[in-house]
Structure formats: structure tokens, C-alpha cells
Amino acid sequence: MDAHIRDLRYFVAVAEELSFTRAAAERLFISQPSLSRQIRQLELSMRAKLFERDRRTVALTAAGAALLPEARRIIEQWEGAQRAVAAAREERTLVVGFQTRIGRGLVPSISSALPGWDLRFRQVPWSDPTVGLGDGQVDVAVAWLPMPGHDYDWTVVSTEERWVALPAAHPLAARREVTFADLAGESFVAMPVSAGPMRDFWLADDQRAAPAVVGAEAETAEEALELVASGRAVVLVSAGNAELYRRDDVVSRPVAGLPPSRLAVVWRRDDRRQAVRTLVDVFVTCMCAT
């Protein structure tokens, strides 16, 4: 169901913008080739061509025009169902999503600050750039920015340098610090394409003259570090995660000159439950105090 709703959201974005480029960059925050692939998948599943396109224009076909109001209705009903479930959920049960370890002794601190609440923690793979917020798996997420879309609010709780994780035997491991130019010829571990702007950020695409060489993809930090340890690639990590994921077969070093990473507490903009606001406030207080 989630994949079908996602594809309908992609379709509606293109139909409203009448541009794959604008829909991908300004509405969905994914690559244009990825968006085109998903629309083709939807056309195959619907057994109909939804758009007429050439180099200059995009237009809805008759089938696309027929689908558009139905797609909007289905998305609205799905969002309504999510809101209804959230409203019926026990107020004292909240789920926190994360993709890399929270660490820093925060979980006990937050739990003790909310006595009587049932706090649950769920690890979400990198393939979901909303860290579980998009499909309602979680109520609040601890997430690395950027977040996709405009449906979320956040508070930055930590700004950390970006480091590089290297195989222990790598020649650069002997240095105390490396430059991004030192890494120009390296293969990198990348997040899945569906991670969108987060994948681009952790490949430092905006700092490159040429696209990154992707040696492998990983769904989690643990998978990424196994790939690094095997010698297949290197990966950018935050300074805090370099410490949290320390291991003997991987060496992490600061990368001079890269803009820092930002860790945030994130929640859905339309989720106005007091329980969520309280959890956000406690998270911010505990994390900013470390």
C-alpha cells in the first residue's frame, strides 16, 4: 500500500507541475531519473500511458486526466486514515524513529523525563528518507537533515563535522585529517537512490566537480561500515557517529572543508497532539544539554 500511495503522490506532483524537473526538484526532492522510473512503473501497473512528453512539454493523456482526481481522493483518504489511527492511538504510547544510533545516554534520560509513557524506538532503513514519519510508522524522528518535502517541522539539536570512515589499512588512515580532494578517487558507500537529498548530502555531491564513484549501496550504518571494513569503499559519517560506531577494522578521520551535518528532532507539521509536542520538547532539552 505504501508504495502505491507514494507512486500516486509522484503522479500528482508531475500532473500539477506538468514538469518532471520541477516535480522532482521542488516537490519531491528526488532525482529526475528516479521519478521517471516510478511513473513508468505506475503506467505499467495501470496499463495506460499517463503523460505525453517531449523535450519541452509534459501533458496529461486522457487516462492521466481520469486518474488525477481519483489519485487525489485516494491520497486524501489515506492521510485521513492515518490521522484517525493516530487519534485513536493510546496517548501514552509514542514511537521514535531513527536511522543511526541515538547514543549519548539519551534514551534513559528521555524515558526518565516521561514517567508513565510507553516510548518505543524503531530503526528505519535509509531507503525511507522520512525516517518513518511519511507513512505514520513513527511519531517523532531523530534524523539527519535534509528532510524531503514540506510536510515536516524540526529543531536542530546538534551540528557535527563530517568525517570519513576508512578501512584500517587504507593509506589515508595514517593521517590525523584529510581533505575532500584526498578522497576524489575513492569509491563511496551510498544510501539507496530513494533516500533522495540525504544520499546526495552524504556523498557531498555539491562539493564535487564530477559525480561520486559509488562502490556499493547500504540500507543502514552497520551495512555501510561492513562494506568499509571489507575494503570496497569509504563512507562519510558525522563526528558523533564516528565515535558511536567505533570498531577495530575501521578508522575515521575529519574531512577538512566540508560543511557540517545537522541532526534534528523532526515531526509531522499537521500532527498537533500535545503528546508529540511534549516528546519533542523533552528530546530537544535532553539532546541540547549533551
C-alpha atoms as a PDB file:
ATOM      1  CA  MET A   1       0.000   0.000   0.000  1.00  0.00           C
ATOM      2  CA  ASP A   2       2.713   2.498   0.970  1.00  0.00           C
ATOM      3  CA  ALA A   3       4.497   2.061  -2.364  1.00  0.00           C
ATOM      4  CA  HIS A   4       1.238   2.605  -4.276  1.00  0.00           C
ATOM      5  CA  ILE A   5       0.460   5.780  -2.316  1.00  0.00           C
ATOM      6  CA  ARG A   6       3.997   7.027  -2.963  1.00  0.00           C
ATOM      7  CA  ASP A   7       3.604   6.433  -6.710  1.00  0.00           C
ATOM      8  CA  LEU A   8       0.284   8.284  -6.706  1.00  0.00           C
ATOM      9  CA  ARG A   9       1.920  11.205  -4.885  1.00  0.00           C
ATOM     10  CA  TYR A  10       4.621  11.259  -7.572  1.00  0.00           C
ATOM     11  CA  PHE A  11       1.976  11.181 -10.296  1.00  0.00           C
ATOM     12  CA  VAL A  12       0.001  14.058  -8.737  1.00  0.00           C
ATOM     13  CA  ALA A  13       3.153  16.160  -8.372  1.00  0.00           C
ATOM     14  CA  VAL A  14       4.037  15.751 -12.063  1.00  0.00           C
ATOM     15  CA  ALA A  15       0.414  16.299 -13.125  1.00  0.00           C
ATOM     16  CA  GLU A  16       0.198  19.547 -11.148  1.00  0.00           C
ATOM     17  CA  GLU A  17       3.589  20.869 -12.222  1.00  0.00           C
ATOM     18  CA  LEU A  18       3.446  19.470 -15.771  1.00  0.00           C
ATOM     19  CA  SER A  19       7.192  19.122 -15.413  1.00  0.00           C
ATOM     20  CA  PHE A  20       9.254  16.158 -14.289  1.00  0.00           C
ATOM     21  CA  THR A  21      12.143  18.501 -13.485  1.00  0.00           C
ATOM     22  CA  ARG A  22      10.150  20.814 -11.178  1.00  0.00           C
ATOM     23  CA  ALA A  23       8.254  17.954  -9.556  1.00  0.00           C
ATOM     24  CA  ALA A  24      11.480  16.092  -8.788  1.00  0.00           C
ATOM     25  CA  ALA A  25      13.489  19.092  -7.554  1.00  0.00           C
ATOM     26  CA  GLU A  26      10.883  21.310  -5.877  1.00  0.00           C
ATOM     27  CA  ARG A  27       8.109  18.980  -4.716  1.00  0.00           C
ATOM     28  CA  LEU A  28       9.550  15.513  -4.176  1.00  0.00           C
ATOM     29  CA  PHE A  29      13.280  16.077  -3.622  1.00  0.00           C
ATOM     30  CA  ILE A  30      14.297  13.012  -5.618  1.00  0.00           C
ATOM     31  CA  SER A  31      16.300  12.665  -8.802  1.00  0.00           C
ATOM     32  CA  GLN A  32      14.502  13.119 -12.112  1.00  0.00           C
ATOM     33  CA  PRO A  33      15.563   9.654 -13.412  1.00  0.00           C
ATOM     34  CA  SER A  34      14.151   8.084 -10.249  1.00  0.00           C
ATOM     35  CA  LEU A  35      10.870   9.965 -10.692  1.00  0.00           C
ATOM     36  CA  SER A  36      10.645   8.897 -14.341  1.00  0.00           C
ATOM     37  CA  ARG A  37      11.195   5.253 -13.364  1.00  0.00           C
ATOM     38  CA  GLN A  38       8.421   5.380 -10.772  1.00  0.00           C
ATOM     39  CA  ILE A  39       5.989   6.972 -13.226  1.00  0.00           C
ATOM     40  CA  ARG A  40       6.810   4.252 -15.775  1.00  0.00           C
ATOM     41  CA  GLN A  41       6.133   1.640 -13.094  1.00  0.00           C
ATOM     42  CA  LEU A  42       2.780   3.257 -12.366  1.00  0.00           C
ATOM     43  CA  GLU A  43       1.920   3.322 -16.074  1.00  0.00           C
ATOM     44  CA  LEU A  44       2.754  -0.373 -16.316  1.00  0.00           C
ATOM     45  CA  SER A  45       0.612  -1.226 -13.310  1.00  0.00           C
ATOM     46  CA  MET A  46      -2.273   0.895 -14.671  1.00  0.00           C
ATOM     47  CA  ARG A  47      -1.748  -0.479 -18.203  1.00  0.00           C
ATOM     48  CA  ALA A  48      -2.109   3.028 -19.561  1.00  0.00           C
ATOM     49  CA  LYS A  49       0.080   5.902 -20.664  1.00  0.00           C
ATOM     50  CA  LEU A  50      -0.471   8.782 -18.252  1.00  0.00           C
ATOM     51  CA  PHE A  51       1.643  11.541 -19.806  1.00  0.00           C
ATOM     52  CA  GLU A  52       2.539  12.758 -23.270  1.00  0.00           C
ATOM     53  CA  ARG A  53       6.040  14.179 -23.104  1.00  0.00           C
ATOM     54  CA  ASP A  54       8.689  15.565 -25.387  1.00  0.00           C
ATOM     55  CA  ARG A  55      11.798  17.641 -24.751  1.00  0.00           C
ATOM     56  CA  ARG A  56       9.792  20.787 -23.994  1.00  0.00           C
ATOM     57  CA  THR A  57       6.352  19.861 -22.698  1.00  0.00           C
ATOM     58  CA  VAL A  58       4.512  17.407 -20.472  1.00  0.00           C
ATOM     59  CA  ALA A  59       0.747  16.900 -20.808  1.00  0.00           C
ATOM     60  CA  LEU A  60      -1.768  14.532 -19.286  1.00  0.00           C
ATOM     61  CA  THR A  61      -3.267  11.874 -21.523  1.00  0.00           C
ATOM     62  CA  ALA A  62      -6.973  11.101 -21.276  1.00  0.00           C
ATOM     63  CA  ALA A  63      -6.067   8.253 -18.905  1.00  0.00           C
ATOM     64  CA  GLY A  64      -3.930  10.586 -16.808  1.00  0.00           C
ATOM     65  CA  ALA A  65      -6.693  13.186 -16.613  1.00  0.00           C
ATOM     66  CA  ALA A  66      -9.101  10.469 -15.462  1.00  0.00           C
ATOM     67  CA  LEU A  67      -6.661   9.242 -12.823  1.00  0.00           C
ATOM     68  CA  LEU A  68      -5.803  12.654 -11.333  1.00  0.00           C
ATOM     69  CA  PRO A  69      -8.986  13.300  -9.270  1.00  0.00           C
ATOM     70  CA  GLU A  70      -9.060   9.669  -8.158  1.00  0.00           C
ATOM     71  CA  ALA A  71      -5.395   9.813  -7.115  1.00  0.00           C
ATOM     72  CA  ARG A  72      -6.034  12.960  -5.074  1.00  0.00           C
ATOM     73  CA  ARG A  73      -9.051  11.302  -3.428  1.00  0.00           C
ATOM     74  CA  ILE A  74      -7.089   8.133  -2.568  1.00  0.00           C
ATOM     75  CA  ILE A  75      -4.196  10.147  -1.086  1.00  0.00           C
ATOM     76  CA  GLU A  76      -6.635  12.254   0.950  1.00  0.00           C
ATOM     77  CA  GLN A  77      -8.417   9.132   2.241  1.00  0.00           C
ATOM     78  CA  TRP A  78      -5.105   7.514   3.156  1.00  0.00           C
ATOM     79  CA  GLU A  79      -3.981  10.607   5.045  1.00  0.00           C
ATOM     80  CA  GLY A  80      -7.350  10.721   6.786  1.00  0.00           C
ATOM     81  CA  ALA A  81      -6.955   7.092   7.796  1.00  0.00           C
ATOM     82  CA  GLN A  82      -3.516   7.847   9.213  1.00  0.00           C
ATOM     83  CA  ARG A  83      -4.906  10.750  11.217  1.00  0.00           C
ATOM     84  CA  ALA A  84      -7.748   8.605  12.530  1.00  0.00           C
ATOM     85  CA  VAL A  85      -5.352   5.887  13.640  1.00  0.00           C
ATOM     86  CA  ALA A  86      -3.082   8.473  15.279  1.00  0.00           C
ATOM     87  CA  ALA A  87      -6.043   9.972  17.117  1.00  0.00           C
ATOM     88  CA  ALA A  88      -7.157   6.539  18.341  1.00  0.00           C
ATOM     89  CA  ARG A  89      -3.656   5.557  19.401  1.00  0.00           C
ATOM     90  CA  GLU A  90      -3.059   5.413  23.134  1.00  0.00           C
ATOM     91  CA  GLU A  91      -1.849   8.883  24.130  1.00  0.00           C
ATOM     92  CA  ARG A  92       0.837   7.453  26.352  1.00  0.00           C
ATOM     93  CA  THR A  93       2.410   5.367  23.569  1.00  0.00           C
ATOM     94  CA  LEU A  94       4.787   7.150  21.198  1.00  0.00           C
ATOM     95  CA  VAL A  95       7.228   5.770  18.646  1.00  0.00           C
ATOM     96  CA  VAL A  96      10.592   7.421  17.961  1.00  0.00           C
ATOM     97  CA  GLY A  97      12.245   6.697  14.615  1.00  0.00           C
ATOM     98  CA  PHE A  98      15.977   6.746  13.984  1.00  0.00           C
ATOM     99  CA  GLN A  99      18.379   5.620  11.284  1.00  0.00           C
ATOM    100  CA  THR A 100      21.712   5.828  13.095  1.00  0.00           C
ATOM    101  CA  ARG A 101      22.247   5.226  16.793  1.00  0.00           C
ATOM    102  CA  ILE A 102      20.909   7.925  19.078  1.00  0.00           C
ATOM    103  CA  GLY A 103      23.511   7.139  21.756  1.00  0.00           C
ATOM    104  CA  ARG A 104      24.916   9.663  24.232  1.00  0.00           C
ATOM    105  CA  GLY A 105      22.823   8.184  27.073  1.00  0.00           C
ATOM    106  CA  LEU A 106      19.762   9.966  25.691  1.00  0.00           C
ATOM    107  CA  VAL A 107      17.270   7.101  25.693  1.00  0.00           C
ATOM    108  CA  PRO A 108      17.384   6.605  29.504  1.00  0.00           C
ATOM    109  CA  SER A 109      17.320  10.381  30.027  1.00  0.00           C
ATOM    110  CA  ILE A 110      14.260  10.834  27.823  1.00  0.00           C
ATOM    111  CA  SER A 111      12.465   7.816  29.280  1.00  0.00           C
ATOM    112  CA  SER A 112      13.030   9.058  32.844  1.00  0.00           C
ATOM    113  CA  ALA A 113      11.772  12.516  31.867  1.00  0.00           C
ATOM    114  CA  LEU A 114       8.464  10.999  30.700  1.00  0.00           C
ATOM    115  CA  PRO A 115       7.387   8.649  33.505  1.00  0.00           C
ATOM    116  CA  GLY A 116       4.356   6.522  32.711  1.00  0.00           C
ATOM    117  CA  TRP A 117       4.789   6.844  28.963  1.00  0.00           C
ATOM    118  CA  ASP A 118       5.385   3.842  26.731  1.00  0.00           C
ATOM    119  CA  LEU A 119       8.230   5.021  24.482  1.00  0.00           C
ATOM    120  CA  ARG A 120       9.143   2.729  21.625  1.00  0.00           C
ATOM    121  CA  PHE A 121      12.165   3.114  19.359  1.00  0.00           C
ATOM    122  CA  ARG A 122      12.193   1.908  15.757  1.00  0.00           C
ATOM    123  CA  GLN A 123      15.168   1.778  13.416  1.00  0.00           C
ATOM    124  CA  VAL A 124      14.180   2.777   9.885  1.00  0.00           C
ATOM    125  CA  PRO A 125      16.368   1.960   6.843  1.00  0.00           C
ATOM    126  CA  TRP A 126      17.966   4.719   4.807  1.00  0.00           C
ATOM    127  CA  SER A 127      15.663   3.886   1.896  1.00  0.00           C
ATOM    128  CA  ASP A 128      12.958   5.848   3.752  1.00  0.00           C
ATOM    129  CA  PRO A 129      14.137   9.494   3.788  1.00  0.00           C
ATOM    130  CA  THR A 130      11.249  10.478   6.108  1.00  0.00           C
ATOM    131  CA  VAL A 131      12.563   8.140   8.858  1.00  0.00           C
ATOM    132  CA  GLY A 132       9.128   6.555   9.257  1.00  0.00           C
ATOM    133  CA  LEU A 133       7.184   9.812   9.527  1.00  0.00           C
ATOM    134  CA  GLY A 134       5.836   9.683   5.980  1.00  0.00           C
ATOM    135  CA  ASP A 135       3.804   6.507   6.420  1.00  0.00           C
ATOM    136  CA  GLY A 136       2.944   7.003  10.086  1.00  0.00           C
ATOM    137  CA  GLN A 137       5.290   4.336  11.472  1.00  0.00           C
ATOM    138  CA  VAL A 138       6.698   6.823  13.972  1.00  0.00           C
ATOM    139  CA  ASP A 139       5.518   9.949  15.781  1.00  0.00           C
ATOM    140  CA  VAL A 140       8.857  11.744  16.143  1.00  0.00           C
ATOM    141  CA  ALA A 141      12.155  11.090  14.387  1.00  0.00           C
ATOM    142  CA  VAL A 142      15.779  11.794  15.201  1.00  0.00           C
ATOM    143  CA  ALA A 143      17.043  12.476  11.704  1.00  0.00           C
ATOM    144  CA  TRP A 144      19.927  13.927   9.749  1.00  0.00           C
ATOM    145  CA  LEU A 145      18.904  16.809   7.526  1.00  0.00           C
ATOM    146  CA  PRO A 146      17.901  17.441   4.797  1.00  0.00           C
ATOM    147  CA  MET A 147      14.352  16.074   5.023  1.00  0.00           C
ATOM    148  CA  PRO A 148      12.327  15.686   1.828  1.00  0.00           C
ATOM    149  CA  GLY A 149       9.213  17.729   1.101  1.00  0.00           C
ATOM    150  CA  HIS A 150       7.454  20.417   3.096  1.00  0.00           C
ATOM    151  CA  ASP A 151       5.329  18.336   5.476  1.00  0.00           C
ATOM    152  CA  TYR A 152       7.695  18.392   8.452  1.00  0.00           C
ATOM    153  CA  ASP A 153       8.933  20.719  11.162  1.00  0.00           C
ATOM    154  CA  TRP A 154      12.192  20.223  13.003  1.00  0.00           C
ATOM    155  CA  THR A 155      14.589  21.609  15.550  1.00  0.00           C
ATOM    156  CA  VAL A 156      18.328  21.155  15.041  1.00  0.00           C
ATOM    157  CA  VAL A 157      19.874  19.663  18.176  1.00  0.00           C
ATOM    158  CA  SER A 158      23.438  19.010  17.041  1.00  0.00           C
ATOM    159  CA  THR A 159      25.811  20.299  14.365  1.00  0.00           C
ATOM    160  CA  GLU A 160      28.700  17.945  13.685  1.00  0.00           C
ATOM    161  CA  GLU A 161      31.670  17.853  11.336  1.00  0.00           C
ATOM    162  CA  ARG A 162      31.618  15.284   8.576  1.00  0.00           C
ATOM    163  CA  TRP A 163      34.318  12.637   8.876  1.00  0.00           C
ATOM    164  CA  VAL A 164      35.278   9.774   6.583  1.00  0.00           C
ATOM    165  CA  ALA A 165      35.330   6.131   7.646  1.00  0.00           C
ATOM    166  CA  LEU A 166      38.205   4.215   6.011  1.00  0.00           C
ATOM    167  CA  PRO A 167      39.433   0.631   6.091  1.00  0.00           C
ATOM    168  CA  ALA A 168      42.046   0.366   8.840  1.00  0.00           C
ATOM    169  CA  ALA A 169      44.759  -0.449   6.263  1.00  0.00           C
ATOM    170  CA  HIS A 170      43.899   2.496   3.990  1.00  0.00           C
ATOM    171  CA  PRO A 171      46.880   4.851   3.319  1.00  0.00           C
ATOM    172  CA  LEU A 172      44.867   7.877   4.476  1.00  0.00           C
ATOM    173  CA  ALA A 173      44.208   6.222   7.838  1.00  0.00           C
ATOM    174  CA  ALA A 174      47.702   7.271   8.941  1.00  0.00           C
ATOM    175  CA  ARG A 175      46.748  10.963   8.727  1.00  0.00           C
ATOM    176  CA  ARG A 176      45.083  12.929  11.503  1.00  0.00           C
ATOM    177  CA  GLU A 177      42.886  14.801   8.993  1.00  0.00           C
ATOM    178  CA  VAL A 178      42.147  14.517   5.273  1.00  0.00           C
ATOM    179  CA  THR A 179      40.809  16.928   2.667  1.00  0.00           C
ATOM    180  CA  PHE A 180      37.898  16.162   0.388  1.00  0.00           C
ATOM    181  CA  ALA A 181      40.323  16.383  -2.538  1.00  0.00           C
ATOM    182  CA  ASP A 182      42.233  13.453  -0.968  1.00  0.00           C
ATOM    183  CA  LEU A 183      39.075  11.365  -1.432  1.00  0.00           C
ATOM    184  CA  ALA A 184      38.443  12.297  -5.062  1.00  0.00           C
ATOM    185  CA  GLY A 185      39.471   8.916  -6.432  1.00  0.00           C
ATOM    186  CA  GLU A 186      37.734   6.823  -3.787  1.00  0.00           C
ATOM    187  CA  SER A 187      34.660   4.641  -4.214  1.00  0.00           C
ATOM    188  CA  PHE A 188      31.940   5.591  -1.747  1.00  0.00           C
ATOM    189  CA  VAL A 189      29.198   3.728   0.022  1.00  0.00           C
ATOM    190  CA  ALA A 190      25.907   5.418  -0.875  1.00  0.00           C
ATOM    191  CA  MET A 191      22.432   5.327   0.575  1.00  0.00           C
ATOM    192  CA  PRO A 192      19.738   3.923  -1.755  1.00  0.00           C
ATOM    193  CA  VAL A 193      18.530   6.248  -4.518  1.00  0.00           C
ATOM    194  CA  SER A 194      15.173   6.515  -2.714  1.00  0.00           C
ATOM    195  CA  ALA A 195      16.950   8.361   0.125  1.00  0.00           C
ATOM    196  CA  GLY A 196      16.920  11.399  -2.187  1.00  0.00           C
ATOM    197  CA  PRO A 197      18.616  14.516  -0.794  1.00  0.00           C
ATOM    198  CA  MET A 198      20.140  12.602   2.134  1.00  0.00           C
ATOM    199  CA  ARG A 199      22.011  10.360  -0.317  1.00  0.00           C
ATOM    200  CA  ASP A 200      23.336  13.447  -2.108  1.00  0.00           C
ATOM    201  CA  PHE A 201      24.389  15.098   1.160  1.00  0.00           C
ATOM    202  CA  TRP A 202      26.331  12.095   2.469  1.00  0.00           C
ATOM    203  CA  LEU A 203      28.077  11.761  -0.883  1.00  0.00           C
ATOM    204  CA  ALA A 204      28.850  15.523  -0.674  1.00  0.00           C
ATOM    205  CA  ASP A 205      27.610  15.892  -4.239  1.00  0.00           C
ATOM    206  CA  ASP A 206      27.511  19.686  -4.002  1.00  0.00           C
ATOM    207  CA  GLN A 207      31.251  19.729  -3.270  1.00  0.00           C
ATOM    208  CA  ARG A 208      32.238  17.637  -6.297  1.00  0.00           C
ATOM    209  CA  ALA A 209      33.316  18.621  -9.778  1.00  0.00           C
ATOM    210  CA  ALA A 210      32.297  15.159 -11.037  1.00  0.00           C
ATOM    211  CA  PRO A 211      29.716  12.651  -9.756  1.00  0.00           C
ATOM    212  CA  ALA A 212      30.785  10.367  -6.916  1.00  0.00           C
ATOM    213  CA  VAL A 213      32.005   6.883  -7.729  1.00  0.00           C
ATOM    214  CA  VAL A 214      29.527   4.644  -5.912  1.00  0.00           C
ATOM    215  CA  GLY A 215      31.149   1.363  -4.981  1.00  0.00           C
ATOM    216  CA  ALA A 216      28.182  -0.054  -3.068  1.00  0.00           C
ATOM    217  CA  GLU A 217      24.857   0.873  -1.523  1.00  0.00           C
ATOM    218  CA  ALA A 218      23.758   0.240   2.063  1.00  0.00           C
ATOM    219  CA  GLU A 219      20.443   0.398   3.930  1.00  0.00           C
ATOM    220  CA  THR A 220      21.947   1.006   7.394  1.00  0.00           C
ATOM    221  CA  ALA A 221      25.071   2.379   9.039  1.00  0.00           C
ATOM    222  CA  GLU A 222      26.024  -1.139  10.116  1.00  0.00           C
ATOM    223  CA  GLU A 223      25.907  -2.347   6.494  1.00  0.00           C
ATOM    224  CA  ALA A 224      27.933   0.672   5.363  1.00  0.00           C
ATOM    225  CA  LEU A 225      30.704   0.019   7.882  1.00  0.00           C
ATOM    226  CA  GLU A 226      30.875  -3.657   6.947  1.00  0.00           C
ATOM    227  CA  LEU A 227      31.461  -2.552   3.355  1.00  0.00           C
ATOM    228  CA  VAL A 228      34.150  -0.130   4.509  1.00  0.00           C
ATOM    229  CA  ALA A 229      35.851  -2.806   6.612  1.00  0.00           C
ATOM    230  CA  SER A 230      35.880  -5.134   3.597  1.00  0.00           C
ATOM    231  CA  GLY A 231      37.867  -2.530   1.630  1.00  0.00           C
ATOM    232  CA  ARG A 232      35.190  -1.986  -1.015  1.00  0.00           C
ATOM    233  CA  ALA A 233      34.572   1.710  -0.342  1.00  0.00           C
ATOM    234  CA  VAL A 234      34.742   4.587   2.129  1.00  0.00           C
ATOM    235  CA  VAL A 235      31.804   6.489   3.647  1.00  0.00           C
ATOM    236  CA  LEU A 236      31.150   9.918   5.134  1.00  0.00           C
ATOM    237  CA  VAL A 237      29.867   9.907   8.721  1.00  0.00           C
ATOM    238  CA  SER A 238      29.115  12.505  11.361  1.00  0.00           C
ATOM    239  CA  ALA A 239      31.735  13.102  14.050  1.00  0.00           C
ATOM    240  CA  GLY A 240      29.367  11.755  16.703  1.00  0.00           C
ATOM    241  CA  ASN A 241      28.652   8.591  14.761  1.00  0.00           C
ATOM    242  CA  ALA A 242      32.357   8.060  14.164  1.00  0.00           C
ATOM    243  CA  GLU A 243      32.584   7.629  17.933  1.00  0.00           C
ATOM    244  CA  LEU A 244      29.354   5.657  18.364  1.00  0.00           C
ATOM    245  CA  TYR A 245      30.262   3.146  15.641  1.00  0.00           C
ATOM    246  CA  ARG A 246      33.938   2.787  16.579  1.00  0.00           C
ATOM    247  CA  ARG A 247      35.458  -0.586  15.579  1.00  0.00           C
ATOM    248  CA  ASP A 248      38.973  -2.013  15.168  1.00  0.00           C
ATOM    249  CA  ASP A 249      38.809  -2.601  11.415  1.00  0.00           C
ATOM    250  CA  VAL A 250      37.596   0.917  10.514  1.00  0.00           C
ATOM    251  CA  VAL A 251      39.364   4.247  11.079  1.00  0.00           C
ATOM    252  CA  SER A 252      37.536   7.594  10.986  1.00  0.00           C
ATOM    253  CA  ARG A 253      39.204  10.904  10.212  1.00  0.00           C
ATOM    254  CA  PRO A 254      37.904  14.507   9.965  1.00  0.00           C
ATOM    255  CA  VAL A 255      37.439  15.854   6.443  1.00  0.00           C
ATOM    256  CA  ALA A 256      38.609  19.455   6.243  1.00  0.00           C
ATOM    257  CA  GLY A 257      36.453  21.967   4.417  1.00  0.00           C
ATOM    258  CA  LEU A 258      33.140  20.102   4.223  1.00  0.00           C
ATOM    259  CA  PRO A 259      30.058  21.898   5.562  1.00  0.00           C
ATOM    260  CA  PRO A 260      28.863  20.222   8.770  1.00  0.00           C
ATOM    261  CA  SER A 261      25.959  17.824   9.203  1.00  0.00           C
ATOM    262  CA  ARG A 262      22.857  18.696  11.233  1.00  0.00           C
ATOM    263  CA  LEU A 263      20.952  16.323  13.484  1.00  0.00           C
ATOM    264  CA  ALA A 264      17.346  17.281  14.181  1.00  0.00           C
ATOM    265  CA  VAL A 265      14.240  16.202  16.032  1.00  0.00           C
ATOM    266  CA  VAL A 266      11.515  16.052  13.363  1.00  0.00           C
ATOM    267  CA  TRP A 267       7.723  15.737  13.487  1.00  0.00           C
ATOM    268  CA  ARG A 268       4.822  15.982  11.062  1.00  0.00           C
ATOM    269  CA  ARG A 269       3.645  19.557  10.660  1.00  0.00           C
ATOM    270  CA  ASP A 270      -0.043  18.586  10.843  1.00  0.00           C
ATOM    271  CA  ASP A 271       0.401  16.433  13.986  1.00  0.00           C
ATOM    272  CA  ARG A 272      -0.781  18.780  16.741  1.00  0.00           C
ATOM    273  CA  ARG A 273      -1.104  16.235  19.544  1.00  0.00           C
ATOM    274  CA  GLN A 274       0.155  17.588  22.840  1.00  0.00           C
ATOM    275  CA  ALA A 275       1.907  14.261  23.488  1.00  0.00           C
ATOM    276  CA  VAL A 276       4.059  14.772  20.398  1.00  0.00           C
ATOM    277  CA  ARG A 277       4.882  18.347  21.372  1.00  0.00           C
ATOM    278  CA  THR A 278       5.876  17.202  24.855  1.00  0.00           C
ATOM    279  CA  LEU A 279       8.113  14.471  23.458  1.00  0.00           C
ATOM    280  CA  VAL A 280       9.763  16.927  21.071  1.00  0.00           C
ATOM    281  CA  ASP A 281      10.418  19.380  23.894  1.00  0.00           C
ATOM    282  CA  VAL A 282      11.957  16.659  26.089  1.00  0.00           C
ATOM    283  CA  PHE A 283      14.124  15.422  23.225  1.00  0.00           C
ATOM    284  CA  VAL A 284      15.357  18.910  22.437  1.00  0.00           C
ATOM    285  CA  THR A 285      16.109  19.618  26.092  1.00  0.00           C
ATOM    286  CA  CYS A 286      17.987  16.349  26.613  1.00  0.00           C
ATOM    287  CA  MET A 287      19.907  16.447  23.332  1.00  0.00           C
ATOM    288  CA  CYS A 288      20.894  20.090  23.548  1.00  0.00           C
ATOM    289  CA  ALA A 289      22.147  19.516  27.082  1.00  0.00           C
ATOM    290  CA  THR A 290      24.701  16.877  25.983  1.00  0.00           C
END
